[in-house]
Amino acid sequence: MNYIYLCFAVAFNVGAYAVFKAIAAREHDLVWASLFGAGLALGGINTLLFTLALREIRLAVAYPMFAGASITFVVLLSALVFGERVSVANVAGAALVFTGIALLTR
């Protein structure tokens, strides 16, 4: 169950950053404030779920997994949803993160 919490923490973290990216260029009005609040709520849920995951997963394992998965999914989301360019360096960096996670969890 703890790894499920960690997976959902990643999903809520990526969701929060997607909301923030989506409103970055918007005028600061009531809609912007509402969406910003939604992003903050997603971030809060992410923190709660990450804390629950830490009950049984060592921090030295959980945080690299969380950060690496979040970075990878943000890169993918930025390309698929926001049309941002993904470079070879981005892909290589994600591969290095996953290699590091594999080594840390041994």
N, C-alpha and C. Protein backbone atom coordinates (compact mmCIF):
# COMPACT_ATOMS: atom_id res chain seq x y z
N MET A 1 0.82 -1.21 0.00
CA MET A 1 0.00 0.00 0.00
C MET A 1 0.86 1.26 0.00
N ASN A 2 2.03 1.19 0.64
CA ASN A 2 2.87 2.38 0.74
C ASN A 2 3.39 2.83 -0.62
N TYR A 3 3.67 1.87 -1.51
CA TYR A 3 4.11 2.26 -2.85
C TYR A 3 2.95 2.82 -3.67
N ILE A 4 1.74 2.41 -3.35
CA ILE A 4 0.57 3.01 -4.00
C ILE A 4 0.45 4.46 -3.57
N TYR A 5 0.64 4.73 -2.28
CA TYR A 5 0.64 6.12 -1.80
C TYR A 5 1.70 6.93 -2.54
N LEU A 6 2.86 6.33 -2.71
CA LEU A 6 3.96 7.03 -3.39
C LEU A 6 3.59 7.32 -4.85
N CYS A 7 2.97 6.37 -5.52
CA CYS A 7 2.55 6.58 -6.91
C CYS A 7 1.52 7.70 -7.01
N PHE A 8 0.56 7.70 -6.10
CA PHE A 8 -0.45 8.75 -6.13
C PHE A 8 0.15 10.11 -5.75
N ALA A 9 1.15 10.10 -4.86
CA ALA A 9 1.84 11.35 -4.52
C ALA A 9 2.49 11.94 -5.76
N VAL A 10 3.11 11.09 -6.56
CA VAL A 10 3.72 11.54 -7.82
C VAL A 10 2.65 12.12 -8.74
N ALA A 11 1.54 11.41 -8.86
CA ALA A 11 0.46 11.87 -9.76
C ALA A 11 -0.07 13.23 -9.32
N PHE A 12 -0.30 13.42 -8.03
CA PHE A 12 -0.80 14.71 -7.55
C PHE A 12 0.25 15.80 -7.69
N ASN A 13 1.53 15.46 -7.53
CA ASN A 13 2.60 16.43 -7.71
C ASN A 13 2.65 16.91 -9.16
N VAL A 14 2.61 15.97 -10.08
CA VAL A 14 2.64 16.31 -11.51
C VAL A 14 1.39 17.12 -11.87
N GLY A 15 0.25 16.72 -11.32
CA GLY A 15 -0.99 17.46 -11.57
C GLY A 15 -0.90 18.90 -11.10
N ALA A 16 -0.31 19.11 -9.93
CA ALA A 16 -0.16 20.46 -9.40
C ALA A 16 0.69 21.31 -10.34
N TYR A 17 1.81 20.76 -10.80
CA TYR A 17 2.67 21.52 -11.69
C TYR A 17 2.02 21.76 -13.04
N ALA A 18 1.19 20.83 -13.51
CA ALA A 18 0.46 21.03 -14.76
C ALA A 18 -0.52 22.19 -14.62
N VAL A 19 -1.20 22.27 -13.49
CA VAL A 19 -2.11 23.39 -13.25
C VAL A 19 -1.34 24.70 -13.24
N PHE A 20 -0.21 24.73 -12.54
CA PHE A 20 0.58 25.96 -12.46
C PHE A 20 1.08 26.39 -13.83
N LYS A 21 1.51 25.41 -14.66
CA LYS A 21 1.95 25.74 -16.02
C LYS A 21 0.78 26.29 -16.84
N ALA A 22 -0.39 25.68 -16.69
CA ALA A 22 -1.56 26.09 -17.46
C ALA A 22 -1.99 27.52 -17.14
N ILE A 23 -1.76 27.96 -15.92
CA ILE A 23 -2.21 29.32 -15.55
C ILE A 23 -1.08 30.34 -15.57
N ALA A 24 0.12 29.92 -15.90
CA ALA A 24 1.28 30.81 -15.81
C ALA A 24 1.12 32.10 -16.62
N ALA A 25 0.54 32.00 -17.79
CA ALA A 25 0.43 33.17 -18.66
C ALA A 25 -0.94 33.85 -18.57
N ARG A 26 -1.80 33.32 -17.72
CA ARG A 26 -3.15 33.89 -17.60
C ARG A 26 -3.13 35.19 -16.80
N GLU A 27 -4.13 36.00 -17.05
CA GLU A 27 -4.35 37.19 -16.24
C GLU A 27 -4.75 36.74 -14.83
N HIS A 28 -4.27 37.48 -13.84
CA HIS A 28 -4.57 37.13 -12.45
C HIS A 28 -5.97 37.64 -12.09
N ASP A 29 -6.94 36.78 -12.34
CA ASP A 29 -8.33 37.11 -12.05
C ASP A 29 -8.91 36.02 -11.14
N LEU A 30 -10.22 35.98 -11.03
CA LEU A 30 -10.86 35.00 -10.16
C LEU A 30 -10.66 33.58 -10.65
N VAL A 31 -10.69 33.38 -11.96
CA VAL A 31 -10.44 32.03 -12.51
C VAL A 31 -9.01 31.61 -12.19
N TRP A 32 -8.06 32.50 -12.38
CA TRP A 32 -6.66 32.20 -12.07
C TRP A 32 -6.52 31.83 -10.60
N ALA A 33 -7.13 32.61 -9.73
CA ALA A 33 -7.04 32.34 -8.29
C ALA A 33 -7.65 30.99 -7.94
N SER A 34 -8.75 30.66 -8.58
CA SER A 34 -9.39 29.36 -8.33
C SER A 34 -8.50 28.21 -8.78
N LEU A 35 -7.93 28.35 -9.96
CA LEU A 35 -7.04 27.31 -10.46
C LEU A 35 -5.76 27.22 -9.62
N PHE A 36 -5.26 28.37 -9.20
CA PHE A 36 -4.08 28.37 -8.33
C PHE A 36 -4.39 27.63 -7.03
N GLY A 37 -5.56 27.88 -6.48
CA GLY A 37 -5.99 27.17 -5.27
C GLY A 37 -6.09 25.67 -5.51
N ALA A 38 -6.59 25.29 -6.68
CA ALA A 38 -6.66 23.87 -7.02
C ALA A 38 -5.26 23.26 -7.09
N GLY A 39 -4.31 23.99 -7.67
CA GLY A 39 -2.93 23.52 -7.72
C GLY A 39 -2.34 23.36 -6.34
N LEU A 40 -2.62 24.31 -5.46
CA LEU A 40 -2.14 24.20 -4.08
C LEU A 40 -2.76 23.00 -3.38
N ALA A 41 -4.05 22.76 -3.63
CA ALA A 41 -4.72 21.60 -3.03
C ALA A 41 -4.09 20.30 -3.51
N LEU A 42 -3.81 20.22 -4.82
CA LEU A 42 -3.13 19.03 -5.35
C LEU A 42 -1.77 18.84 -4.68
N GLY A 43 -1.05 19.93 -4.49
CA GLY A 43 0.24 19.86 -3.81
C GLY A 43 0.10 19.41 -2.36
N GLY A 44 -0.95 19.86 -1.69
CA GLY A 44 -1.19 19.44 -0.31
C GLY A 44 -1.51 17.95 -0.23
N ILE A 45 -2.33 17.47 -1.15
CA ILE A 45 -2.66 16.04 -1.18
C ILE A 45 -1.40 15.23 -1.47
N ASN A 46 -0.57 15.73 -2.38
CA ASN A 46 0.70 15.09 -2.68
C ASN A 46 1.53 14.94 -1.41
N THR A 47 1.62 15.98 -0.61
CA THR A 47 2.42 15.94 0.62
C THR A 47 1.84 14.94 1.60
N LEU A 48 0.53 14.91 1.73
CA LEU A 48 -0.13 13.95 2.62
C LEU A 48 0.19 12.53 2.19
N LEU A 49 0.03 12.23 0.91
CA LEU A 49 0.29 10.89 0.40
C LEU A 49 1.76 10.49 0.54
N PHE A 50 2.65 11.43 0.29
CA PHE A 50 4.07 11.14 0.45
C PHE A 50 4.39 10.82 1.91
N THR A 51 3.79 11.56 2.82
CA THR A 51 3.99 11.31 4.25
C THR A 51 3.48 9.93 4.63
N LEU A 52 2.32 9.54 4.10
CA LEU A 52 1.80 8.20 4.36
C LEU A 52 2.74 7.12 3.82
N ALA A 53 3.31 7.36 2.64
CA ALA A 53 4.25 6.40 2.07
C ALA A 53 5.49 6.24 2.94
N LEU A 54 5.89 7.32 3.59
CA LEU A 54 7.10 7.29 4.42
C LEU A 54 6.94 6.47 5.69
N ARG A 55 5.73 6.05 5.99
CA ARG A 55 5.54 5.19 7.17
C ARG A 55 6.34 3.91 7.06
N GLU A 56 6.45 3.38 5.85
CA GLU A 56 7.13 2.09 5.66
C GLU A 56 8.29 2.14 4.67
N ILE A 57 8.36 3.18 3.87
CA ILE A 57 9.44 3.27 2.88
C ILE A 57 10.50 4.22 3.42
N ARG A 58 11.75 3.79 3.33
CA ARG A 58 12.84 4.65 3.80
C ARG A 58 12.91 5.91 2.95
N LEU A 59 13.19 7.03 3.60
CA LEU A 59 13.29 8.31 2.90
C LEU A 59 14.35 8.27 1.81
N ALA A 60 15.46 7.59 2.08
CA ALA A 60 16.55 7.49 1.11
C ALA A 60 16.12 6.74 -0.15
N VAL A 61 15.04 5.99 -0.08
CA VAL A 61 14.50 5.29 -1.23
C VAL A 61 13.31 6.07 -1.80
N ALA A 62 12.42 6.50 -0.92
CA ALA A 62 11.17 7.14 -1.36
C ALA A 62 11.41 8.46 -2.10
N TYR A 63 12.29 9.30 -1.55
CA TYR A 63 12.46 10.60 -2.19
C TYR A 63 13.06 10.51 -3.58
N PRO A 64 14.12 9.74 -3.80
CA PRO A 64 14.62 9.63 -5.18
C PRO A 64 13.58 9.05 -6.14
N MET A 65 12.80 8.08 -5.67
CA MET A 65 11.75 7.52 -6.53
C MET A 65 10.72 8.59 -6.86
N PHE A 66 10.30 9.34 -5.84
CA PHE A 66 9.31 10.40 -6.01
C PHE A 66 9.83 11.47 -6.97
N ALA A 67 11.03 11.94 -6.72
CA ALA A 67 11.60 13.02 -7.54
C ALA A 67 11.84 12.56 -8.97
N GLY A 68 12.41 11.37 -9.13
CA GLY A 68 12.69 10.87 -10.47
C GLY A 68 11.44 10.63 -11.29
N ALA A 69 10.44 10.03 -10.66
CA ALA A 69 9.18 9.79 -11.38
C ALA A 69 8.49 11.11 -11.70
N SER A 70 8.53 12.04 -10.76
CA SER A 70 7.90 13.35 -11.00
C SER A 70 8.57 14.06 -12.16
N ILE A 71 9.89 14.08 -12.18
CA ILE A 71 10.62 14.74 -13.25
C ILE A 71 10.29 14.10 -14.60
N THR A 72 10.31 12.78 -14.64
CA THR A 72 10.05 12.08 -15.88
C THR A 72 8.64 12.37 -16.40
N PHE A 73 7.65 12.31 -15.51
CA PHE A 73 6.27 12.55 -15.94
C PHE A 73 6.03 14.02 -16.29
N VAL A 74 6.72 14.93 -15.63
CA VAL A 74 6.59 16.35 -15.99
C VAL A 74 7.17 16.58 -17.38
N VAL A 75 8.29 15.96 -17.69
CA VAL A 75 8.88 16.09 -19.02
C VAL A 75 7.91 15.55 -20.08
N LEU A 76 7.35 14.37 -19.82
CA LEU A 76 6.40 13.78 -20.78
C LEU A 76 5.15 14.64 -20.91
N LEU A 77 4.61 15.09 -19.79
CA LEU A 77 3.40 15.92 -19.82
C LEU A 77 3.65 17.23 -20.54
N SER A 78 4.81 17.83 -20.29
CA SER A 78 5.11 19.11 -20.94
C SER A 78 5.16 18.95 -22.45
N ALA A 79 5.63 17.80 -22.92
CA ALA A 79 5.68 17.56 -24.36
C ALA A 79 4.29 17.26 -24.92
N LEU A 80 3.57 16.39 -24.25
CA LEU A 80 2.28 15.93 -24.77
C LEU A 80 1.17 16.97 -24.64
N VAL A 81 1.12 17.66 -23.51
CA VAL A 81 0.02 18.58 -23.25
C VAL A 81 0.35 20.01 -23.65
N PHE A 82 1.58 20.44 -23.36
CA PHE A 82 1.94 21.84 -23.58
C PHE A 82 2.79 22.05 -24.83
N GLY A 83 3.10 20.96 -25.55
CA GLY A 83 3.84 21.08 -26.79
C GLY A 83 5.28 21.52 -26.63
N GLU A 84 5.84 21.33 -25.45
CA GLU A 84 7.23 21.71 -25.24
C GLU A 84 8.15 20.68 -25.88
N ARG A 85 9.31 21.13 -26.28
CA ARG A 85 10.27 20.26 -26.93
C ARG A 85 11.02 19.44 -25.90
N VAL A 86 11.14 18.15 -26.16
CA VAL A 86 11.92 17.25 -25.30
C VAL A 86 13.21 16.95 -26.03
N SER A 87 14.31 17.32 -25.42
CA SER A 87 15.61 17.13 -26.06
C SER A 87 16.23 15.78 -25.68
N VAL A 88 17.28 15.44 -26.37
CA VAL A 88 18.03 14.23 -26.05
C VAL A 88 18.57 14.35 -24.63
N ALA A 89 18.97 15.55 -24.22
CA ALA A 89 19.47 15.75 -22.86
C ALA A 89 18.38 15.46 -21.83
N ASN A 90 17.13 15.83 -22.13
CA ASN A 90 16.02 15.53 -21.22
C ASN A 90 15.85 14.03 -21.06
N VAL A 91 15.87 13.32 -22.15
CA VAL A 91 15.70 11.86 -22.11
C VAL A 91 16.88 11.21 -21.40
N ALA A 92 18.08 11.68 -21.70
CA ALA A 92 19.27 11.13 -21.03
C ALA A 92 19.23 11.42 -19.54
N GLY A 93 18.79 12.61 -19.17
CA GLY A 93 18.68 12.94 -17.75
C GLY A 93 17.69 12.05 -17.03
N ALA A 94 16.54 11.80 -17.65
CA ALA A 94 15.54 10.92 -17.06
C ALA A 94 16.10 9.51 -16.91
N ALA A 95 16.85 9.05 -17.91
CA ALA A 95 17.45 7.72 -17.83
C ALA A 95 18.47 7.64 -16.70
N LEU A 96 19.25 8.70 -16.53
CA LEU A 96 20.21 8.73 -15.42
C LEU A 96 19.51 8.72 -14.06
N VAL A 97 18.40 9.44 -13.97
CA VAL A 97 17.63 9.46 -12.71
C VAL A 97 17.15 8.05 -12.40
N PHE A 98 16.59 7.36 -13.38
CA PHE A 98 16.10 6.01 -13.13
C PHE A 98 17.24 5.05 -12.81
N THR A 99 18.39 5.23 -13.42
CA THR A 99 19.55 4.40 -13.09
C THR A 99 19.96 4.65 -11.64
N GLY A 100 19.99 5.91 -11.26
CA GLY A 100 20.32 6.25 -9.87
C GLY A 100 19.32 5.67 -8.88
N ILE A 101 18.05 5.71 -9.21
CA ILE A 101 17.02 5.13 -8.33
C ILE A 101 17.23 3.64 -8.20
N ALA A 102 17.52 2.98 -9.31
CA ALA A 102 17.76 1.53 -9.26
C ALA A 102 18.94 1.20 -8.36
N LEU A 103 19.99 2.02 -8.44
CA LEU A 103 21.16 1.78 -7.60
C LEU A 103 20.88 2.08 -6.13
N LEU A 104 20.09 3.10 -5.86
CA LEU A 104 19.77 3.47 -4.48
C LEU A 104 18.88 2.45 -3.78
N THR A 105 18.04 1.79 -4.54
CA THR A 105 17.08 0.86 -3.92
C THR A 105 17.64 -0.54 -3.74
N ARG A 106 18.87 -0.76 -4.07
CA ARG A 106 19.49 -2.09 -3.88
C ARG A 106 19.94 -2.28 -2.47
